[in-house]
Amino acid sequence: MLRLYNTLTRKKEDFRPLKEGKINIFVCGPTVYDFSHLGHAKTYVQFDFIVRFLRAIGYKVFYLQNITDIYDKIIRKSQE
């Protein structure tokens, strides 16, 4: 049994996926509006580790990560 810390309840709880043996993970990726930096890699590395771990212990994992949509800060930077 996999136990995780729930920040809402502040307790370790048994992990129970919505569908037995299957997990969907949706992650907000970086908002890229300037030069790349180490912080951009942090999300990729952390969730890659989590997905690999879950697969290694037998879960079928669907993993999706996006690149944040364009917004004013990105538009301003592109105009520079």
C-alpha atoms as a PDB file:
ATOM      1  CA  MET A   1       0.000   0.000   0.000  1.00  0.00           C
ATOM      2  CA  LEU A   2       1.276   3.438  -0.948  1.00  0.00           C
ATOM      3  CA  ARG A   3       0.883   6.103   1.751  1.00  0.00           C
ATOM      4  CA  LEU A   4       1.137   9.810   0.986  1.00  0.00           C
ATOM      5  CA  TYR A   5       1.045  12.966   3.061  1.00  0.00           C
ATOM      6  CA  ASN A   6      -2.208  14.887   2.493  1.00  0.00           C
ATOM      7  CA  THR A   7      -1.526  18.599   2.979  1.00  0.00           C
ATOM      8  CA  LEU A   8      -5.256  19.257   3.426  1.00  0.00           C
ATOM      9  CA  THR A   9      -5.724  16.870   6.352  1.00  0.00           C
ATOM     10  CA  ARG A  10      -2.071  17.051   7.485  1.00  0.00           C
ATOM     11  CA  LYS A  11      -1.974  13.274   7.795  1.00  0.00           C
ATOM     12  CA  LYS A  12      -0.420  10.338   5.980  1.00  0.00           C
ATOM     13  CA  GLU A  13      -3.173   8.493   4.131  1.00  0.00           C
ATOM     14  CA  ASP A  14      -3.487   5.382   1.999  1.00  0.00           C
ATOM     15  CA  PHE A  15      -3.400   6.229  -1.695  1.00  0.00           C
ATOM     16  CA  ARG A  16      -6.428   4.926  -3.553  1.00  0.00           C
ATOM     17  CA  PRO A  17      -6.638   5.765  -7.276  1.00  0.00           C
ATOM     18  CA  LEU A  18     -10.051   6.518  -8.780  1.00  0.00           C
ATOM     19  CA  LYS A  19      -9.645   3.504 -11.078  1.00  0.00           C
ATOM     20  CA  GLU A  20      -7.902   0.438  -9.705  1.00  0.00           C
ATOM     21  CA  GLY A  21      -4.340   0.199 -11.045  1.00  0.00           C
ATOM     22  CA  LYS A  22      -4.601   3.355 -13.189  1.00  0.00           C
ATOM     23  CA  ILE A  23      -3.491   6.915 -12.447  1.00  0.00           C
ATOM     24  CA  ASN A  24      -3.928  10.101 -14.501  1.00  0.00           C
ATOM     25  CA  ILE A  25      -1.510  12.935 -13.735  1.00  0.00           C
ATOM     26  CA  PHE A  26      -2.033  16.398 -15.191  1.00  0.00           C
ATOM     27  CA  VAL A  27       0.711  18.928 -14.427  1.00  0.00           C
ATOM     28  CA  CYS A  28       1.048  22.618 -15.202  1.00  0.00           C
ATOM     29  CA  GLY A  29       4.372  23.059 -16.924  1.00  0.00           C
ATOM     30  CA  PRO A  30       6.593  26.123 -17.010  1.00  0.00           C
ATOM     31  CA  THR A  31       5.519  29.565 -18.140  1.00  0.00           C
ATOM     32  CA  VAL A  32       8.310  30.383 -20.561  1.00  0.00           C
ATOM     33  CA  TYR A  33       8.741  34.078 -21.231  1.00  0.00           C
ATOM     34  CA  ASP A  34      12.495  34.541 -20.940  1.00  0.00           C
ATOM     35  CA  PHE A  35      15.715  32.549 -20.928  1.00  0.00           C
ATOM     36  CA  SER A  36      15.519  29.003 -19.652  1.00  0.00           C
ATOM     37  CA  HIS A  37      16.765  28.367 -16.105  1.00  0.00           C
ATOM     38  CA  LEU A  38      17.074  25.539 -13.599  1.00  0.00           C
ATOM     39  CA  GLY A  39      13.597  26.203 -12.215  1.00  0.00           C
ATOM     40  CA  HIS A  40      12.094  25.093 -15.536  1.00  0.00           C
ATOM     41  CA  ALA A  41      13.730  21.684 -15.171  1.00  0.00           C
ATOM     42  CA  LYS A  42      12.476  21.220 -11.611  1.00  0.00           C
ATOM     43  CA  THR A  43       8.918  20.349 -12.644  1.00  0.00           C
ATOM     44  CA  TYR A  44      10.083  17.933 -15.344  1.00  0.00           C
ATOM     45  CA  VAL A  45      12.504  16.143 -13.040  1.00  0.00           C
ATOM     46  CA  GLN A  46      10.151  15.888 -10.046  1.00  0.00           C
ATOM     47  CA  PHE A  47       7.171  14.549 -11.956  1.00  0.00           C
ATOM     48  CA  ASP A  48       9.303  12.285 -14.135  1.00  0.00           C
ATOM     49  CA  PHE A  49      10.569  10.693 -10.921  1.00  0.00           C
ATOM     50  CA  ILE A  50       7.041  10.311  -9.509  1.00  0.00           C
ATOM     51  CA  VAL A  51       5.689   8.783 -12.739  1.00  0.00           C
ATOM     52  CA  ARG A  52       8.612   6.345 -13.012  1.00  0.00           C
ATOM     53  CA  PHE A  53       8.153   5.317  -9.384  1.00  0.00           C
ATOM     54  CA  LEU A  54       4.413   4.737  -9.801  1.00  0.00           C
ATOM     55  CA  ARG A  55       5.017   2.672 -12.940  1.00  0.00           C
ATOM     56  CA  ALA A  56       7.741   0.669 -11.178  1.00  0.00           C
ATOM     57  CA  ILE A  57       5.327  -0.332  -8.410  1.00  0.00           C
ATOM     58  CA  GLY A  58       2.753  -1.493 -10.929  1.00  0.00           C
ATOM     59  CA  TYR A  59       0.440   1.399 -11.768  1.00  0.00           C
ATOM     60  CA  LYS A  60      -0.518   2.231 -15.342  1.00  0.00           C
ATOM     61  CA  VAL A  61       0.139   5.997 -15.516  1.00  0.00           C
ATOM     62  CA  PHE A  62      -1.161   8.519 -18.052  1.00  0.00           C
ATOM     63  CA  TYR A  63       1.010  11.637 -17.679  1.00  0.00           C
ATOM     64  CA  LEU A  64       0.265  14.984 -19.328  1.00  0.00           C
ATOM     65  CA  GLN A  65       2.150  18.244 -18.832  1.00  0.00           C
ATOM     66  CA  ASN A  66       1.362  21.511 -20.567  1.00  0.00           C
ATOM     67  CA  ILE A  67       3.292  24.655 -21.385  1.00  0.00           C
ATOM     68  CA  THR A  68       1.418  27.588 -19.879  1.00  0.00           C
ATOM     69  CA  ASP A  69      -0.588  29.683 -22.340  1.00  0.00           C
ATOM     70  CA  ILE A  70       0.521  33.060 -23.576  1.00  0.00           C
ATOM     71  CA  TYR A  71      -0.389  35.996 -21.397  1.00  0.00           C
ATOM     72  CA  ASP A  72       0.575  39.685 -21.084  1.00  0.00           C
ATOM     73  CA  LYS A  73       4.046  39.124 -19.605  1.00  0.00           C
ATOM     74  CA  ILE A  74       4.990  36.844 -22.505  1.00  0.00           C
ATOM     75  CA  ILE A  75       3.599  39.268 -25.094  1.00  0.00           C
ATOM     76  CA  ARG A  76       5.568  42.186 -23.592  1.00  0.00           C
ATOM     77  CA  LYS A  77       8.775  40.157 -23.552  1.00  0.00           C
ATOM     78  CA  SER A  78       8.329  39.100 -27.198  1.00  0.00           C
ATOM     79  CA  GLN A  79       7.905  42.749 -28.227  1.00  0.00           C
ATOM     80  CA  GLU A  80      11.266  43.639 -26.665  1.00  0.00           C
END
